N, C-alpha and C. Protein backbone atom coordinates (compact mmCIF):
# COMPACT_ATOMS: atom_id res chain seq x y z
N MET A 1 0.81 -1.24 -0.21
CA MET A 1 0.16 0.21 0.39
C MET A 1 0.81 1.21 0.04
N CYS A 2 2.17 1.03 -0.43
CA CYS A 2 3.19 2.08 -0.43
C CYS A 2 2.62 3.54 -0.60
N GLY A 3 2.24 4.51 0.29
CA GLY A 3 2.08 5.67 0.03
C GLY A 3 0.63 5.99 -0.46
N ARG A 4 -0.45 4.79 -0.34
CA ARG A 4 -1.71 4.88 -0.72
C ARG A 4 -2.40 5.23 0.75
N LEU A 5 -3.41 6.07 0.45
CA LEU A 5 -4.13 6.60 1.39
C LEU A 5 -5.90 6.32 1.15
N VAL A 6 -6.39 5.89 2.28
CA VAL A 6 -8.08 5.92 2.19
C VAL A 6 -8.44 6.52 3.29
N ARG A 7 -9.17 7.82 2.77
CA ARG A 7 -9.69 8.45 3.68
C ARG A 7 -11.34 8.62 3.61
N ASN A 8 -11.92 9.01 4.59
CA ASN A 8 -13.27 9.18 4.95
C ASN A 8 -13.76 10.32 3.80
N THR A 9 -14.70 9.65 2.96
CA THR A 9 -15.18 10.72 1.98
C THR A 9 -16.67 10.71 1.83
N GLY A 10 -17.08 9.95 3.14
CA GLY A 10 -18.63 9.80 3.05
C GLY A 10 -19.01 9.39 4.26
N ALA A 11 -19.73 7.98 4.33
CA ALA A 11 -20.65 7.80 5.45
C ALA A 11 -19.78 7.34 6.47
N MET A 12 -20.09 7.54 7.74
CA MET A 12 -19.40 6.72 8.90
C MET A 12 -20.11 5.88 9.44
N LEU A 13 -19.83 4.46 9.57
CA LEU A 13 -20.51 3.39 10.09
C LEU A 13 -20.47 3.21 11.57
N ALA A 14 -21.43 2.82 12.15
CA ALA A 14 -21.43 2.44 13.75
C ALA A 14 -20.61 1.01 13.70
N MET A 15 -20.06 0.93 14.52
CA MET A 15 -19.29 -0.22 15.06
C MET A 15 -19.32 -0.86 16.24
N ARG A 16 -19.30 -1.96 16.62
CA ARG A 16 -19.16 -2.54 17.91
C ARG A 16 -18.04 -3.55 18.15
N VAL A 17 -17.65 -3.78 19.37
CA VAL A 17 -16.44 -4.69 19.51
C VAL A 17 -16.89 -6.07 19.45
N LEU A 18 -16.10 -6.86 18.82
CA LEU A 18 -16.50 -8.38 18.74
C LEU A 18 -15.66 -9.34 19.45
N ARG A 19 -14.50 -8.95 19.46
CA ARG A 19 -13.44 -9.55 20.40
C ARG A 19 -12.17 -8.90 20.36
N LEU A 20 -11.56 -9.32 21.44
CA LEU A 20 -10.15 -8.65 21.74
C LEU A 20 -9.15 -9.96 21.66
N VAL A 21 -8.33 -10.28 20.96
CA VAL A 21 -7.51 -11.53 20.91
C VAL A 21 -6.11 -11.08 20.78
N VAL A 22 -4.99 -12.10 20.86
CA VAL A 22 -3.52 -11.88 20.39
C VAL A 22 -3.37 -12.52 19.52
N HIS A 23 -2.62 -11.86 18.54
CA HIS A 23 -2.32 -12.48 17.10
C HIS A 23 -1.17 -13.44 17.54
N VAL A 24 -1.19 -14.70 17.05
CA VAL A 24 -0.50 -15.95 17.47
C VAL A 24 0.95 -15.64 16.83
N ARG A 25 1.26 -15.01 15.76
CA ARG A 25 2.54 -14.96 15.43
C ARG A 25 3.35 -13.84 15.91
N THR A 26 2.58 -12.77 15.92
CA THR A 26 3.46 -11.48 16.54
C THR A 26 3.02 -11.22 17.82
N LYS A 27 2.27 -11.88 18.38
CA LYS A 27 1.98 -11.69 19.89
C LYS A 27 1.31 -10.19 20.10
N GLU A 28 0.89 -9.57 18.97
CA GLU A 28 0.34 -8.24 19.20
C GLU A 28 -1.28 -8.44 19.42
N PRO A 29 -1.72 -7.55 20.29
CA PRO A 29 -3.24 -7.59 20.65
C PRO A 29 -4.08 -7.05 19.19
N VAL A 30 -5.37 -7.50 18.94
CA VAL A 30 -5.90 -7.27 17.92
C VAL A 30 -7.49 -7.19 18.42
N LEU A 31 -7.97 -5.85 17.98
CA LEU A 31 -9.51 -5.61 18.43
C LEU A 31 -10.28 -5.76 17.29
N LEU A 32 -11.08 -6.76 17.07
CA LEU A 32 -11.90 -6.88 15.88
C LEU A 32 -13.29 -6.24 16.17
N LEU A 33 -13.63 -5.12 15.25
CA LEU A 33 -14.72 -4.38 15.39
C LEU A 33 -15.49 -4.91 14.37
N GLY A 34 -17.07 -4.92 14.49
CA GLY A 34 -17.91 -5.35 13.61
C GLY A 34 -19.12 -4.35 13.32
N GLU A 35 -19.53 -4.37 12.24
CA GLU A 35 -20.59 -3.31 11.65
C GLU A 35 -21.92 -3.31 12.79
N VAL A 36 -22.36 -2.34 13.31
CA VAL A 36 -23.82 -2.63 14.00
C VAL A 36 -24.67 -3.25 13.04
N GLU A 37 -24.95 -2.42 11.99
CA GLU A 37 -26.00 -2.92 11.05
C GLU A 37 -25.36 -3.29 9.60
N GLY A 38 -24.51 -4.36 9.67
CA GLY A 38 -23.99 -4.76 8.55
C GLY A 38 -23.09 -6.00 8.81
N GLU A 39 -22.42 -6.48 7.67
CA GLU A 39 -21.64 -7.87 7.73
C GLU A 39 -20.52 -7.98 7.69
N ARG A 40 -19.68 -6.56 7.89
CA ARG A 40 -18.22 -6.61 7.55
C ARG A 40 -17.54 -6.43 9.13
N CYS A 41 -16.34 -6.71 9.18
CA CYS A 41 -15.50 -6.46 10.31
C CYS A 41 -14.21 -6.15 10.00
N LEU A 42 -13.81 -5.47 11.09
CA LEU A 42 -12.20 -4.60 10.58
C LEU A 42 -11.30 -5.13 11.94
N PRO A 43 -10.04 -5.91 11.58
CA PRO A 43 -9.32 -5.99 12.55
C PRO A 43 -8.15 -5.04 12.90
N VAL A 44 -8.34 -4.44 14.16
CA VAL A 44 -7.28 -3.32 14.36
C VAL A 44 -6.13 -3.74 15.45
N PHE A 45 -4.91 -3.82 14.95
CA PHE A 45 -3.82 -4.23 15.66
C PHE A 45 -3.72 -3.03 16.68
N LEU A 46 -3.45 -3.24 17.97
CA LEU A 46 -3.41 -2.26 19.21
C LEU A 46 -2.05 -2.42 19.85
N ARG A 47 -1.83 -1.08 20.38
CA ARG A 47 -0.70 -1.14 21.32
C ARG A 47 -0.93 -1.78 22.80
N ARG A 48 -0.08 -2.56 23.11
CA ARG A 48 -0.18 -3.60 24.55
C ARG A 48 -1.12 -2.85 25.52
N PRO A 49 -0.42 -1.34 26.16
CA PRO A 49 -1.34 -0.68 27.39
C PRO A 49 -2.73 -0.62 27.12
N GLN A 50 -3.01 -0.15 25.87
CA GLN A 50 -4.31 0.17 25.48
C GLN A 50 -5.33 -1.04 25.21
N ALA A 51 -4.61 -1.92 24.82
CA ALA A 51 -5.41 -3.32 24.82
C ALA A 51 -5.72 -3.98 26.37
N ASP A 52 -4.58 -3.47 27.12
CA ASP A 52 -5.04 -4.10 28.54
C ASP A 52 -6.24 -3.01 29.00
N MET A 53 -6.34 -1.89 28.80
CA MET A 53 -7.33 -1.16 29.21
C MET A 53 -8.96 -1.47 28.46
N ILE A 54 -8.86 -1.92 27.54
CA ILE A 54 -9.83 -2.26 26.77
C ILE A 54 -10.28 -3.80 27.11
N ALA A 55 -9.49 -4.65 27.54
CA ALA A 55 -9.63 -5.85 28.00
C ALA A 55 -10.54 -5.72 29.21
N LEU A 56 -10.39 -4.48 30.25
CA LEU A 56 -10.79 -4.34 31.53
C LEU A 56 -12.48 -3.97 31.22
N GLY A 57 -12.53 -3.51 29.87
CA GLY A 57 -14.04 -3.30 29.57
C GLY A 57 -14.52 -1.74 30.19
N GLU A 58 -15.75 -1.77 30.10
CA GLU A 58 -16.43 -0.27 30.49
C GLU A 58 -16.25 0.03 31.87
N ARG A 59 -15.69 1.15 32.06
CA ARG A 59 -15.37 1.48 33.52
C ARG A 59 -16.48 1.64 34.41
N GLY A 60 -16.54 0.99 35.60
CA GLY A 60 -17.71 1.15 36.38
C GLY A 60 -17.64 2.26 37.33
N GLU A 61 -18.55 2.55 38.06
CA GLU A 61 -18.70 3.72 39.01
C GLU A 61 -17.46 3.65 40.16
N ASP A 62 -17.21 2.33 40.54
CA ASP A 62 -16.21 2.29 41.78
C ASP A 62 -15.04 1.69 41.17
N ASP A 63 -14.63 1.52 40.06
CA ASP A 63 -13.64 1.30 39.56
C ASP A 63 -12.40 2.47 39.64
N PRO A 64 -11.35 2.03 40.16
CA PRO A 64 -10.07 2.84 40.11
C PRO A 64 -9.81 3.54 38.70
N GLN A 65 -9.69 5.10 38.82
CA GLN A 65 -9.15 5.48 37.64
C GLN A 65 -7.95 5.25 36.94
N LEU A 66 -8.02 4.78 35.71
CA LEU A 66 -6.66 4.62 35.14
C LEU A 66 -6.42 6.01 34.39
N PRO A 67 -5.04 6.11 33.51
CA PRO A 67 -4.78 7.38 33.29
C PRO A 67 -5.98 7.87 32.06
N GLN A 68 -6.19 7.10 31.17
CA GLN A 68 -7.29 7.64 30.06
C GLN A 68 -8.64 7.90 30.61
N ASP A 69 -8.79 7.38 31.88
CA ASP A 69 -10.15 7.50 32.33
C ASP A 69 -10.54 8.75 32.98
N VAL A 70 -9.30 9.65 33.17
CA VAL A 70 -9.28 11.08 33.69
C VAL A 70 -9.81 12.00 32.52
N LEU A 71 -9.50 11.46 31.44
CA LEU A 71 -9.93 12.41 30.40
C LEU A 71 -11.43 13.02 30.42
N LEU A 72 -12.58 12.18 30.50
CA LEU A 72 -13.61 12.44 30.34
C LEU A 72 -14.08 13.43 31.62
N PRO A 73 -13.93 13.09 32.79
CA PRO A 73 -14.17 13.91 34.03
C PRO A 73 -13.47 15.37 33.64
N VAL A 74 -12.36 15.39 33.40
CA VAL A 74 -11.65 16.85 32.93
C VAL A 74 -12.33 17.48 32.06
N LEU A 75 -12.74 17.01 30.89
CA LEU A 75 -13.64 17.61 29.92
C LEU A 75 -15.00 18.14 30.38
N ARG A 76 -15.59 17.23 31.30
CA ARG A 76 -17.19 17.58 31.93
C ARG A 76 -16.57 18.91 32.51
N GLY A 77 -15.63 18.90 33.42
CA GLY A 77 -15.32 19.92 34.17
C GLY A 77 -15.14 21.25 33.43
N LEU A 78 -14.79 20.92 32.47
CA LEU A 78 -14.43 22.27 31.49
C LEU A 78 -15.78 22.65 30.50
N GLY A 79 -16.77 21.79 30.86
CA GLY A 79 -18.06 22.04 29.89
C GLY A 79 -18.09 21.46 28.71
N HIS A 80 -17.27 20.43 28.51
CA HIS A 80 -17.39 19.56 27.12
C HIS A 80 -17.68 18.19 27.15
N GLN A 81 -17.56 17.53 26.05
CA GLN A 81 -17.82 15.97 26.25
C GLN A 81 -17.30 15.50 25.02
N ILE A 82 -16.93 14.04 24.99
CA ILE A 82 -16.64 13.51 23.73
C ILE A 82 -17.65 12.83 23.32
N ASP A 83 -18.12 12.88 22.07
CA ASP A 83 -19.42 12.43 21.44
C ASP A 83 -18.96 10.71 20.83
N GLY A 84 -17.92 10.68 20.75
CA GLY A 84 -17.43 9.31 20.05
C GLY A 84 -16.10 9.49 19.45
N VAL A 85 -15.71 8.34 19.03
CA VAL A 85 -14.42 8.28 18.23
C VAL A 85 -14.67 7.72 16.91
N GLU A 86 -13.64 7.83 16.08
CA GLU A 86 -13.77 7.49 14.63
C GLU A 86 -12.54 7.28 13.90
N ILE A 87 -12.53 6.14 13.23
CA ILE A 87 -11.40 5.77 12.54
C ILE A 87 -11.58 6.17 11.05
N VAL A 88 -10.82 7.32 10.89
CA VAL A 88 -11.17 8.18 9.70
C VAL A 88 -10.21 8.00 8.32
N ALA A 89 -9.21 7.25 8.59
CA ALA A 89 -8.00 7.30 7.47
C ALA A 89 -7.40 5.86 7.63
N LEU A 90 -6.70 5.34 6.43
CA LEU A 90 -5.69 4.05 6.45
C LEU A 90 -4.73 4.67 5.50
N GLU A 91 -3.53 4.76 6.38
CA GLU A 91 -2.36 5.02 5.30
C GLU A 91 -1.22 4.20 5.45
N ASN A 92 -0.60 3.72 4.57
CA ASN A 92 0.32 2.72 4.61
C ASN A 92 0.26 1.75 5.60
N SER A 93 -0.98 1.39 5.68
CA SER A 93 -1.29 0.11 6.61
C SER A 93 -1.50 0.36 8.07
N VAL A 94 -1.71 1.77 8.19
CA VAL A 94 -1.86 2.65 9.53
C VAL A 94 -3.11 3.06 9.65
N PHE A 95 -3.98 2.94 10.57
CA PHE A 95 -5.20 3.64 10.69
C PHE A 95 -4.87 5.14 11.45
N ARG A 96 -5.55 6.07 11.16
CA ARG A 96 -5.85 7.47 11.78
C ARG A 96 -7.07 7.45 12.40
N ALA A 97 -7.02 8.07 13.67
CA ALA A 97 -8.37 8.12 14.31
C ALA A 97 -8.47 9.58 14.79
N GLU A 98 -9.74 9.84 15.18
CA GLU A 98 -9.94 10.83 15.68
C GLU A 98 -10.94 10.85 17.18
N LEU A 99 -10.84 11.53 18.14
CA LEU A 99 -11.73 12.01 19.16
C LEU A 99 -12.65 13.04 18.63
N VAL A 100 -13.92 12.70 18.73
CA VAL A 100 -14.96 13.73 18.10
C VAL A 100 -15.72 14.32 19.30
N PHE A 101 -15.59 15.80 19.48
CA PHE A 101 -16.08 16.51 20.64
C PHE A 101 -17.30 17.39 19.94
N ASP A 102 -18.08 17.62 21.34
CA ASP A 102 -19.39 18.27 21.26
C ASP A 102 -18.91 19.51 20.52
N GLY A 103 -19.98 19.97 19.62
CA GLY A 103 -19.44 21.42 18.82
C GLY A 103 -18.73 21.20 17.61
N GLY A 104 -18.36 19.78 17.31
CA GLY A 104 -17.87 19.45 16.02
C GLY A 104 -16.29 19.32 16.30
N ALA A 105 -15.49 19.90 17.22
CA ALA A 105 -14.24 19.81 17.35
C ALA A 105 -13.69 18.22 17.29
N ARG A 106 -12.58 18.14 16.55
CA ARG A 106 -11.88 16.87 16.29
C ARG A 106 -10.53 16.90 16.69
N VAL A 107 -9.92 15.92 17.46
CA VAL A 107 -8.43 15.67 17.84
C VAL A 107 -7.84 14.25 17.28
N SER A 108 -6.81 14.26 16.26
CA SER A 108 -6.19 13.15 15.97
C SER A 108 -5.57 12.36 17.25
N VAL A 109 -5.70 11.40 17.14
CA VAL A 109 -5.11 10.30 18.42
C VAL A 109 -4.85 9.11 17.73
N ARG A 110 -3.70 8.38 18.29
CA ARG A 110 -3.67 6.85 17.73
C ARG A 110 -5.08 6.06 18.06
N PRO A 111 -5.25 5.23 17.14
CA PRO A 111 -6.18 4.47 17.18
C PRO A 111 -6.54 3.48 18.56
N SER A 112 -5.36 3.01 18.92
CA SER A 112 -5.41 2.35 20.20
C SER A 112 -5.78 3.29 21.19
N ASP A 113 -5.52 4.63 21.47
CA ASP A 113 -6.04 5.33 22.20
C ASP A 113 -7.34 5.83 22.27
N ALA A 114 -7.73 5.92 21.21
CA ALA A 114 -9.14 6.30 20.72
C ALA A 114 -10.17 5.21 21.12
N LEU A 115 -9.67 3.90 20.80
CA LEU A 115 -10.57 2.82 21.11
C LEU A 115 -10.56 2.48 22.60
N ALA A 116 -9.36 2.80 23.41
CA ALA A 116 -9.44 2.52 24.57
C ALA A 116 -10.59 3.33 25.30
N VAL A 117 -10.24 4.87 25.05
CA VAL A 117 -11.25 5.78 25.68
C VAL A 117 -12.79 5.18 25.35
N ALA A 118 -13.17 4.80 24.18
CA ALA A 118 -14.53 4.51 23.53
C ALA A 118 -14.85 3.22 24.38
N VAL A 119 -14.22 2.28 24.63
CA VAL A 119 -14.60 1.08 25.17
C VAL A 119 -14.72 1.39 26.77
N ARG A 120 -13.87 1.99 27.33
CA ARG A 120 -13.93 2.55 28.88
C ARG A 120 -15.03 3.21 29.06
N GLU A 121 -15.37 4.20 28.38
CA GLU A 121 -16.36 5.14 28.66
C GLU A 121 -17.65 4.85 27.84
N GLY A 122 -17.89 3.80 27.13
CA GLY A 122 -19.04 3.43 26.48
C GLY A 122 -19.48 4.36 25.37
N LEU A 123 -18.44 4.84 24.80
CA LEU A 123 -18.59 5.62 23.65
C LEU A 123 -18.83 5.18 22.13
N PRO A 124 -19.49 5.71 21.30
CA PRO A 124 -19.94 5.01 20.04
C PRO A 124 -18.43 5.10 19.07
N ILE A 125 -18.46 4.08 18.35
CA ILE A 125 -17.10 3.85 17.47
C ILE A 125 -17.49 3.92 16.25
N GLY A 126 -17.04 4.85 15.37
CA GLY A 126 -17.29 4.74 13.77
C GLY A 126 -16.02 4.53 12.91
N VAL A 127 -16.14 4.03 11.95
CA VAL A 127 -15.28 3.74 10.79
C VAL A 127 -15.76 4.21 9.44
N ALA A 128 -15.00 4.94 8.86
CA ALA A 128 -15.26 5.22 7.60
C ALA A 128 -15.60 4.20 6.59
N ASP A 129 -16.86 4.30 5.83
CA ASP A 129 -17.11 3.24 5.17
C ASP A 129 -16.10 3.02 3.94
N ALA A 130 -15.41 4.11 3.34
CA ALA A 130 -14.40 3.74 2.44
C ALA A 130 -13.48 2.83 3.12
N ILE A 131 -13.05 2.79 4.12
CA ILE A 131 -12.01 1.89 4.93
C ILE A 131 -12.56 0.40 4.84
N LEU A 132 -13.79 0.35 5.32
CA LEU A 132 -14.51 -0.89 5.13
C LEU A 132 -14.54 -1.52 3.91
N ASP A 133 -14.74 -0.77 3.06
CA ASP A 133 -14.93 -1.16 1.41
C ASP A 133 -13.43 -1.46 0.97
N ASP A 134 -12.40 -0.91 1.83
CA ASP A 134 -11.06 -1.33 1.16
C ASP A 134 -10.29 -2.65 1.84
N VAL A 135 -10.74 -2.44 3.13
CA VAL A 135 -9.87 -3.42 4.07
C VAL A 135 -10.81 -4.30 5.01
N GLY A 136 -12.08 -4.07 4.92
CA GLY A 136 -13.19 -4.61 5.85
C GLY A 136 -13.42 -6.25 5.28
N GLN A 137 -13.50 -7.08 6.34
CA GLN A 137 -13.67 -8.60 6.12
C GLN A 137 -15.12 -9.10 6.26
N PRO A 138 -15.53 -9.91 5.47
CA PRO A 138 -16.96 -10.43 5.87
C PRO A 138 -16.79 -10.95 7.06
N THR A 139 -17.72 -10.74 7.93
CA THR A 139 -17.73 -11.31 9.53
C THR A 139 -17.81 -12.70 9.28
N ALA A 140 -18.59 -13.46 8.48
CA ALA A 140 -18.87 -14.76 8.31
C ALA A 140 -17.52 -15.48 8.17
N ASP A 141 -16.70 -15.07 7.17
CA ASP A 141 -15.50 -15.30 6.90
C ASP A 141 -14.73 -15.72 8.42
N LEU A 142 -14.62 -14.74 9.23
CA LEU A 142 -14.00 -14.93 10.42
C LEU A 142 -14.73 -15.83 11.44
N PHE A 143 -16.24 -15.79 11.48
CA PHE A 143 -16.87 -16.40 12.62
C PHE A 143 -18.03 -17.14 11.45
N PRO A 144 -17.79 -18.38 10.76
CA PRO A 144 -18.48 -18.90 10.15
C PRO A 144 -19.81 -19.56 10.84
N HIS A 145 -19.65 -19.81 12.21
CA HIS A 145 -20.84 -20.27 13.09
C HIS A 145 -21.57 -18.93 13.70
N GLY A 146 -21.25 -17.65 13.33
CA GLY A 146 -21.85 -16.38 13.71
C GLY A 146 -21.25 -15.92 15.15
N THR A 147 -21.52 -14.69 15.18
CA THR A 147 -21.17 -13.95 16.49
C THR A 147 -21.90 -14.27 17.75
N ASP A 148 -23.13 -15.06 17.47
CA ASP A 148 -23.79 -15.50 18.47
C ASP A 148 -23.60 -16.90 19.12
N ALA A 149 -22.67 -17.72 18.13
CA ALA A 149 -22.19 -18.76 18.67
C ALA A 149 -21.55 -18.94 20.00
N PRO A 150 -21.41 -20.01 20.43
CA PRO A 150 -20.54 -19.89 21.96
C PRO A 150 -19.30 -19.53 21.65
N PRO A 151 -18.69 -18.81 22.68
CA PRO A 151 -17.68 -18.24 22.62
C PRO A 151 -16.32 -19.10 22.60
N GLU A 152 -16.50 -20.11 22.62
CA GLU A 152 -15.51 -21.11 22.53
C GLU A 152 -15.26 -21.36 20.95
N LYS A 153 -16.36 -21.37 20.41
CA LYS A 153 -16.21 -21.74 18.84
C LYS A 153 -16.01 -20.42 18.19
N GLN A 154 -16.74 -19.50 18.75
CA GLN A 154 -16.15 -18.21 18.05
C GLN A 154 -14.58 -17.94 17.95
N MET A 155 -14.14 -18.14 19.14
CA MET A 155 -12.46 -18.10 19.34
C MET A 155 -11.81 -19.08 18.48
N GLU A 156 -12.37 -20.18 18.28
CA GLU A 156 -11.57 -21.30 17.52
C GLU A 156 -11.70 -20.92 15.91
N ASP A 157 -13.05 -20.43 15.45
CA ASP A 157 -13.02 -19.76 14.15
C ASP A 157 -12.01 -18.67 14.00
N PHE A 158 -12.07 -17.56 14.81
CA PHE A 158 -11.04 -16.45 14.67
C PHE A 158 -9.70 -16.85 14.89
N ARG A 159 -9.42 -17.63 15.57
CA ARG A 159 -7.91 -18.15 15.72
C ARG A 159 -7.56 -18.49 14.36
N LYS A 160 -8.27 -19.41 13.80
CA LYS A 160 -7.97 -20.02 12.56
C LYS A 160 -7.56 -18.71 11.43
N PHE A 161 -8.40 -17.70 11.64
CA PHE A 161 -8.19 -16.65 10.77
C PHE A 161 -6.91 -15.81 11.11
N ILE A 162 -6.80 -15.45 12.48
CA ILE A 162 -5.86 -14.59 12.94
C ILE A 162 -4.56 -15.18 12.81
N ASP A 163 -4.44 -16.42 12.94
CA ASP A 163 -3.17 -16.96 13.06
C ASP A 163 -2.56 -16.86 11.76
N GLU A 164 -3.13 -16.66 10.57
CA GLU A 164 -2.53 -16.52 9.07
C GLU A 164 -2.61 -15.00 8.65
N VAL A 165 -2.76 -14.12 9.39
CA VAL A 165 -2.96 -12.78 8.84
C VAL A 165 -2.02 -11.81 9.80
N SER A 166 -1.56 -10.97 9.02
CA SER A 166 -0.85 -9.84 9.50
C SER A 166 -1.27 -8.38 8.79
N PRO A 167 -0.99 -7.37 9.44
CA PRO A 167 -1.50 -6.31 9.03
C PRO A 167 -1.34 -5.82 7.47
N GLU A 168 -0.24 -6.31 6.89
CA GLU A 168 -0.11 -6.11 5.40
C GLU A 168 -1.10 -6.93 4.71
N ASP A 169 -1.53 -7.87 5.23
CA ASP A 169 -2.72 -8.72 4.49
C ASP A 169 -3.91 -8.00 4.18
N PHE A 170 -4.05 -6.91 4.66
CA PHE A 170 -5.10 -6.06 4.42
C PHE A 170 -4.99 -4.83 3.38
N GLU A 171 -3.77 -5.10 2.85
CA GLU A 171 -3.31 -4.19 1.64
C GLU A 171 -4.06 -4.78 0.46
N ARG A 172 -4.71 -4.11 -0.68
CA ARG A 172 -5.30 -4.62 -1.85
C ARG A 172 -4.49 -3.99 -2.90
């Protein structure tokens, strides 16, 4: 994909977290996002500290605050909020993400950081339709038994896929 850029030029699609797994060959964490209303999914390779935060799931009222957990209370104290996170571009096999604030302001951040904040705070996650068109995978290819199959079966299906894939495999 040398020098190739896929950027949001249209619709932003709502996504949900399907699974967080570890890529067998690289030992890197991978977050699998699936369309809320659709049949495609998107594997996103993460940085380990953010994957650890995502693995904790949505933050509860009594949970101790982790470093990224302080972002939203600080923003609320300043009279603002984050409306969601979006993966807006793919360049040279690297995703670009933005935090979307009230009033339309946007801040570019690493996808790992954006997704960690979104999962911990229960925020909406969006992915540019153009990115899914370019590198999205049919969910049925990764989970032939469906995402409602027992977790053990889903993990078996996904491991078969993830064992043989690397970030470069999503280049077309």
